[in-house]
């Protein structure tokens, strides 16, 4: 495994929830990344955002890592969950919240004061 894939692998395994995205959670740089950020923020998930625009090797490497051609990509407990369309569908059906619960990831769904 090359250095970039090892870096991605260790990031995915070091955090319960990781979102590889264009931009940052505070400033998403594409609509798809922004949608996933909104969903995660709505659910109150604590996650690590990785800006693929900062490093071309990571931007290409994450596509190879998951064998998935698009960004954003969401990982939960080291497992690839999906991209924007899959995350949105899972969220709308309630499956995403269940997936987090089953993985032992706590959700803070009550509004922040």
N, C-alpha and C. Protein backbone atom coordinates (compact mmCIF):
# COMPACT_ATOMS: atom_id res chain seq x y z
N UNK A 1 0.86 -1.18 0.00
CA UNK A 1 0.00 0.00 0.00
C UNK A 1 0.90 1.24 0.00
N UNK A 2 0.61 2.18 -0.90
CA UNK A 2 1.48 3.36 -0.95
C UNK A 2 1.19 4.32 0.21
N UNK A 3 2.03 5.34 0.32
CA UNK A 3 1.95 6.26 1.46
C UNK A 3 0.60 6.95 1.59
N UNK A 4 0.04 7.40 0.45
CA UNK A 4 -1.24 8.11 0.50
C UNK A 4 -2.35 7.18 0.99
N UNK A 5 -2.38 5.96 0.47
CA UNK A 5 -3.41 5.01 0.90
C UNK A 5 -3.24 4.65 2.36
N UNK A 6 -2.00 4.55 2.83
CA UNK A 6 -1.76 4.28 4.26
C UNK A 6 -2.23 5.45 5.11
N UNK A 7 -1.98 6.68 4.63
CA UNK A 7 -2.42 7.89 5.34
C UNK A 7 -3.95 7.90 5.43
N UNK A 8 -4.62 7.61 4.32
CA UNK A 8 -6.09 7.56 4.29
C UNK A 8 -6.59 6.48 5.23
N UNK A 9 -5.98 5.31 5.15
CA UNK A 9 -6.38 4.17 5.98
C UNK A 9 -6.26 4.51 7.47
N UNK A 10 -5.16 5.13 7.85
CA UNK A 10 -4.99 5.45 9.27
C UNK A 10 -5.97 6.53 9.72
N UNK A 11 -6.29 7.50 8.84
CA UNK A 11 -7.28 8.52 9.18
C UNK A 11 -8.65 7.89 9.38
N UNK A 12 -9.03 7.01 8.46
CA UNK A 12 -10.34 6.34 8.52
C UNK A 12 -10.46 5.51 9.79
N UNK A 13 -9.37 4.87 10.19
CA UNK A 13 -9.41 4.00 11.37
C UNK A 13 -9.22 4.75 12.68
N UNK A 14 -8.68 5.97 12.62
CA UNK A 14 -8.41 6.74 13.85
C UNK A 14 -9.63 7.50 14.35
N UNK A 15 -10.64 7.69 13.49
CA UNK A 15 -11.82 8.47 13.85
C UNK A 15 -13.07 7.64 13.59
N UNK A 16 -14.07 7.78 14.46
CA UNK A 16 -15.32 7.02 14.28
C UNK A 16 -16.02 7.40 12.99
N UNK A 17 -16.03 8.69 12.67
CA UNK A 17 -16.73 9.17 11.47
C UNK A 17 -15.81 10.13 10.73
N UNK A 18 -15.55 9.83 9.45
CA UNK A 18 -14.68 10.67 8.62
C UNK A 18 -15.41 10.98 7.32
N UNK A 19 -15.38 12.26 6.95
CA UNK A 19 -15.96 12.69 5.68
C UNK A 19 -14.85 13.27 4.82
N UNK A 20 -14.53 12.56 3.72
CA UNK A 20 -13.61 13.10 2.72
C UNK A 20 -14.46 13.97 1.81
N UNK A 21 -14.10 15.25 1.72
CA UNK A 21 -14.99 16.21 1.05
C UNK A 21 -14.17 17.28 0.34
N UNK A 22 -14.87 18.05 -0.48
CA UNK A 22 -14.27 19.22 -1.11
C UNK A 22 -14.58 20.41 -0.21
N UNK A 23 -13.53 20.99 0.36
CA UNK A 23 -13.69 22.06 1.33
C UNK A 23 -13.64 21.52 2.74
N UNK A 24 -14.16 22.32 3.67
CA UNK A 24 -14.17 21.94 5.08
C UNK A 24 -15.61 21.92 5.57
N UNK A 25 -15.87 21.30 6.73
CA UNK A 25 -17.24 21.33 7.26
C UNK A 25 -17.77 22.76 7.41
N UNK A 26 -16.90 23.71 7.74
CA UNK A 26 -17.33 25.10 7.89
C UNK A 26 -17.55 25.79 6.54
N UNK A 27 -16.77 25.39 5.52
CA UNK A 27 -16.85 26.00 4.20
C UNK A 27 -16.79 24.94 3.10
N UNK A 28 -17.89 24.19 2.90
CA UNK A 28 -17.91 23.20 1.82
C UNK A 28 -17.71 23.89 0.47
N UNK A 29 -16.93 23.26 -0.41
CA UNK A 29 -16.61 23.86 -1.70
C UNK A 29 -17.39 23.25 -2.85
N UNK A 30 -18.33 22.36 -2.55
CA UNK A 30 -19.23 21.86 -3.60
C UNK A 30 -20.57 21.52 -2.95
N UNK A 31 -21.61 21.52 -3.76
CA UNK A 31 -22.95 21.28 -3.24
C UNK A 31 -23.13 19.92 -2.62
N UNK A 32 -22.49 18.90 -3.20
CA UNK A 32 -22.65 17.53 -2.68
C UNK A 32 -22.01 17.41 -1.30
N UNK A 33 -20.80 17.96 -1.15
CA UNK A 33 -20.15 17.96 0.16
C UNK A 33 -21.00 18.73 1.16
N UNK A 34 -21.55 19.87 0.72
CA UNK A 34 -22.39 20.69 1.58
C UNK A 34 -23.62 19.95 2.07
N UNK A 35 -24.24 19.15 1.19
CA UNK A 35 -25.43 18.39 1.59
C UNK A 35 -25.09 17.38 2.69
N UNK A 36 -23.97 16.68 2.53
CA UNK A 36 -23.59 15.67 3.53
C UNK A 36 -23.25 16.36 4.86
N UNK A 37 -22.56 17.49 4.80
CA UNK A 37 -22.26 18.26 6.01
C UNK A 37 -23.55 18.66 6.72
N UNK A 38 -24.54 19.14 5.97
CA UNK A 38 -25.82 19.54 6.57
C UNK A 38 -26.49 18.36 7.26
N UNK A 39 -26.46 17.20 6.64
CA UNK A 39 -27.07 16.00 7.22
C UNK A 39 -26.35 15.61 8.52
N UNK A 40 -25.02 15.57 8.47
CA UNK A 40 -24.25 15.18 9.66
C UNK A 40 -24.46 16.20 10.78
N UNK A 41 -24.47 17.48 10.42
CA UNK A 41 -24.69 18.51 11.44
C UNK A 41 -26.09 18.41 12.02
N UNK A 42 -27.07 18.13 11.17
CA UNK A 42 -28.46 17.99 11.64
C UNK A 42 -28.57 16.84 12.64
N UNK A 43 -27.90 15.73 12.33
CA UNK A 43 -27.94 14.57 13.23
C UNK A 43 -27.08 14.79 14.47
N UNK A 44 -26.20 15.77 14.41
CA UNK A 44 -25.33 16.04 15.56
C UNK A 44 -24.20 15.03 15.68
N UNK A 45 -23.69 14.58 14.54
CA UNK A 45 -22.60 13.60 14.53
C UNK A 45 -21.26 14.33 14.68
N UNK A 46 -20.43 13.82 15.55
CA UNK A 46 -19.06 14.33 15.68
C UNK A 46 -18.23 13.65 14.61
N UNK A 47 -17.68 14.41 13.68
CA UNK A 47 -16.93 13.79 12.57
C UNK A 47 -15.70 14.61 12.21
N UNK A 48 -14.81 13.96 11.52
CA UNK A 48 -13.59 14.60 11.03
C UNK A 48 -13.76 14.86 9.55
N UNK A 49 -13.62 16.10 9.14
CA UNK A 49 -13.67 16.45 7.72
C UNK A 49 -12.27 16.50 7.15
N UNK A 50 -12.07 15.88 5.99
CA UNK A 50 -10.77 15.91 5.31
C UNK A 50 -10.98 16.60 3.96
N UNK A 51 -10.30 17.72 3.76
CA UNK A 51 -10.43 18.51 2.54
C UNK A 51 -9.52 17.92 1.46
N UNK A 52 -10.13 17.26 0.48
CA UNK A 52 -9.33 16.64 -0.59
C UNK A 52 -8.73 17.68 -1.53
N UNK A 53 -9.22 18.91 -1.48
CA UNK A 53 -8.67 19.95 -2.34
C UNK A 53 -7.29 20.41 -1.87
N UNK A 54 -6.94 20.09 -0.61
CA UNK A 54 -5.63 20.45 -0.08
C UNK A 54 -4.51 19.60 -0.65
N UNK A 55 -4.83 18.42 -1.17
CA UNK A 55 -3.80 17.47 -1.59
C UNK A 55 -4.32 16.62 -2.74
N UNK A 56 -3.76 16.82 -3.92
CA UNK A 56 -4.19 16.08 -5.11
C UNK A 56 -4.01 14.57 -4.93
N UNK A 57 -2.96 14.17 -4.21
CA UNK A 57 -2.71 12.73 -3.99
C UNK A 57 -3.84 12.13 -3.15
N UNK A 58 -4.32 12.85 -2.15
CA UNK A 58 -5.43 12.36 -1.32
C UNK A 58 -6.72 12.38 -2.15
N UNK A 59 -6.88 13.40 -2.98
CA UNK A 59 -8.09 13.51 -3.81
C UNK A 59 -8.22 12.30 -4.73
N UNK A 60 -7.12 11.87 -5.33
CA UNK A 60 -7.15 10.68 -6.18
C UNK A 60 -7.12 9.41 -5.33
N UNK A 61 -6.34 9.45 -4.25
CA UNK A 61 -6.16 8.27 -3.41
C UNK A 61 -7.44 7.78 -2.77
N UNK A 62 -8.31 8.70 -2.36
CA UNK A 62 -9.56 8.28 -1.70
C UNK A 62 -10.46 7.55 -2.69
N UNK A 63 -10.40 7.93 -3.96
CA UNK A 63 -11.19 7.24 -4.99
C UNK A 63 -10.68 5.81 -5.16
N UNK A 64 -9.37 5.64 -5.10
CA UNK A 64 -8.78 4.31 -5.21
C UNK A 64 -9.04 3.49 -3.95
N UNK A 65 -8.97 4.15 -2.80
CA UNK A 65 -9.13 3.48 -1.50
C UNK A 65 -10.48 2.77 -1.41
N UNK A 66 -11.54 3.48 -1.80
CA UNK A 66 -12.89 2.91 -1.69
C UNK A 66 -13.36 2.28 -2.99
N UNK A 67 -12.57 2.45 -4.05
CA UNK A 67 -13.01 2.04 -5.38
C UNK A 67 -14.35 2.72 -5.68
N UNK A 68 -14.41 4.02 -5.37
CA UNK A 68 -15.61 4.83 -5.54
C UNK A 68 -15.19 6.11 -6.24
N UNK A 69 -15.83 6.47 -7.36
CA UNK A 69 -15.29 7.54 -8.21
C UNK A 69 -15.57 8.98 -7.76
N UNK A 70 -16.45 9.16 -6.79
CA UNK A 70 -16.86 10.52 -6.47
C UNK A 70 -16.55 10.92 -5.04
N UNK A 71 -16.55 12.21 -4.81
CA UNK A 71 -16.36 12.82 -3.50
C UNK A 71 -17.58 13.69 -3.28
N UNK A 72 -18.18 13.70 -2.11
CA UNK A 72 -17.69 13.24 -0.81
C UNK A 72 -17.84 11.73 -0.59
N UNK A 73 -17.09 11.26 0.39
CA UNK A 73 -17.18 9.86 0.83
C UNK A 73 -17.24 9.85 2.36
N UNK A 74 -18.21 9.10 2.88
CA UNK A 74 -18.39 9.02 4.33
C UNK A 74 -17.97 7.64 4.84
N UNK A 75 -17.17 7.66 5.91
CA UNK A 75 -16.71 6.43 6.55
C UNK A 75 -17.19 6.43 8.00
N UNK A 76 -17.70 5.29 8.44
CA UNK A 76 -18.13 5.12 9.82
C UNK A 76 -17.43 3.89 10.38
N UNK A 77 -16.69 4.09 11.45
CA UNK A 77 -15.94 3.00 12.11
C UNK A 77 -15.08 2.23 11.09
N UNK A 78 -14.43 2.98 10.21
CA UNK A 78 -13.51 2.37 9.25
C UNK A 78 -14.17 1.80 8.02
N UNK A 79 -15.49 1.88 7.94
CA UNK A 79 -16.22 1.27 6.83
C UNK A 79 -16.80 2.35 5.91
N UNK A 80 -16.61 2.19 4.61
CA UNK A 80 -17.17 3.12 3.63
C UNK A 80 -18.69 2.97 3.61
N UNK A 81 -19.40 4.08 3.81
CA UNK A 81 -20.86 4.06 3.81
C UNK A 81 -21.41 4.49 2.46
N UNK A 82 -20.89 5.58 1.91
CA UNK A 82 -21.36 6.01 0.60
C UNK A 82 -21.04 7.45 0.31
N UNK A 83 -21.53 7.89 -0.84
CA UNK A 83 -21.38 9.28 -1.26
C UNK A 83 -22.66 10.04 -0.99
N UNK A 84 -22.77 11.20 -1.60
CA UNK A 84 -23.88 12.12 -1.31
C UNK A 84 -25.25 11.48 -1.53
N UNK A 85 -25.50 10.87 -2.67
CA UNK A 85 -26.82 10.31 -2.97
C UNK A 85 -27.21 9.23 -1.97
N UNK A 86 -26.27 8.35 -1.67
CA UNK A 86 -26.54 7.25 -0.73
C UNK A 86 -26.81 7.80 0.66
N UNK A 87 -25.99 8.75 1.09
CA UNK A 87 -26.16 9.34 2.43
C UNK A 87 -27.51 10.04 2.52
N UNK A 88 -27.87 10.79 1.48
CA UNK A 88 -29.15 11.51 1.48
C UNK A 88 -30.32 10.52 1.55
N UNK A 89 -30.26 9.45 0.76
CA UNK A 89 -31.33 8.45 0.78
C UNK A 89 -31.42 7.77 2.14
N UNK A 90 -30.26 7.43 2.71
CA UNK A 90 -30.24 6.78 4.03
C UNK A 90 -30.80 7.72 5.10
N UNK A 91 -30.47 9.01 4.99
CA UNK A 91 -30.96 9.99 5.95
C UNK A 91 -32.48 10.12 5.85
N UNK A 92 -33.00 10.23 4.63
CA UNK A 92 -34.44 10.42 4.43
C UNK A 92 -35.24 9.21 4.91
N UNK A 93 -34.67 8.02 4.80
CA UNK A 93 -35.39 6.81 5.22
C UNK A 93 -35.21 6.51 6.70
N UNK A 94 -34.32 7.26 7.37
CA UNK A 94 -34.03 6.99 8.78
C UNK A 94 -32.94 5.96 8.97
N UNK A 95 -32.47 5.38 7.87
CA UNK A 95 -31.47 4.32 7.93
C UNK A 95 -30.11 4.85 8.41
N UNK A 96 -29.79 6.11 8.09
CA UNK A 96 -28.49 6.66 8.47
C UNK A 96 -28.37 6.77 9.99
N UNK A 97 -29.40 7.30 10.64
CA UNK A 97 -29.38 7.40 12.11
C UNK A 97 -29.25 6.01 12.73
N UNK A 98 -29.97 5.04 12.17
CA UNK A 98 -29.87 3.65 12.67
C UNK A 98 -28.47 3.11 12.48
N UNK A 99 -27.86 3.41 11.33
CA UNK A 99 -26.50 2.93 11.04
C UNK A 99 -25.52 3.48 12.07
N UNK A 100 -25.63 4.78 12.38
CA UNK A 100 -24.76 5.37 13.40
C UNK A 100 -24.99 4.72 14.75
N UNK A 101 -26.26 4.50 15.12
CA UNK A 101 -26.58 3.89 16.41
C UNK A 101 -26.00 2.48 16.50
N UNK A 102 -26.17 1.70 15.44
CA UNK A 102 -25.65 0.33 15.42
C UNK A 102 -24.12 0.30 15.50
N UNK A 103 -23.49 1.34 14.95
CA UNK A 103 -22.02 1.42 14.98
C UNK A 103 -21.51 1.99 16.30
N UNK A 104 -22.44 2.41 17.17
CA UNK A 104 -22.04 2.96 18.46
C UNK A 104 -21.63 4.41 18.39
N UNK A 105 -22.07 5.13 17.34
CA UNK A 105 -21.77 6.56 17.20
C UNK A 105 -22.95 7.34 17.76
N UNK A 106 -22.68 8.19 18.75
CA UNK A 106 -23.79 8.92 19.39
C UNK A 106 -24.22 10.10 18.52
N UNK A 107 -25.51 10.38 18.58
CA UNK A 107 -26.08 11.50 17.84
C UNK A 107 -26.58 12.53 18.83
N UNK A 108 -26.40 13.78 18.50
CA UNK A 108 -26.87 14.88 19.33
C UNK A 108 -27.96 15.59 18.53
N UNK A 109 -29.15 14.98 18.48
CA UNK A 109 -30.20 15.50 17.62
C UNK A 109 -31.00 16.63 18.25
N UNK A 110 -30.84 16.87 19.55
CA UNK A 110 -31.57 17.98 20.14
C UNK A 110 -30.90 19.29 19.73
N UNK A 111 -31.69 20.35 19.54
CA UNK A 111 -31.11 21.63 19.10
C UNK A 111 -30.09 22.16 20.11
N UNK A 112 -29.05 22.75 19.57
CA UNK A 112 -28.02 23.33 20.43
C UNK A 112 -28.53 24.65 21.00
N UNK A 113 -28.31 24.87 22.28
CA UNK A 113 -28.78 26.11 22.92
C UNK A 113 -27.86 27.26 22.57
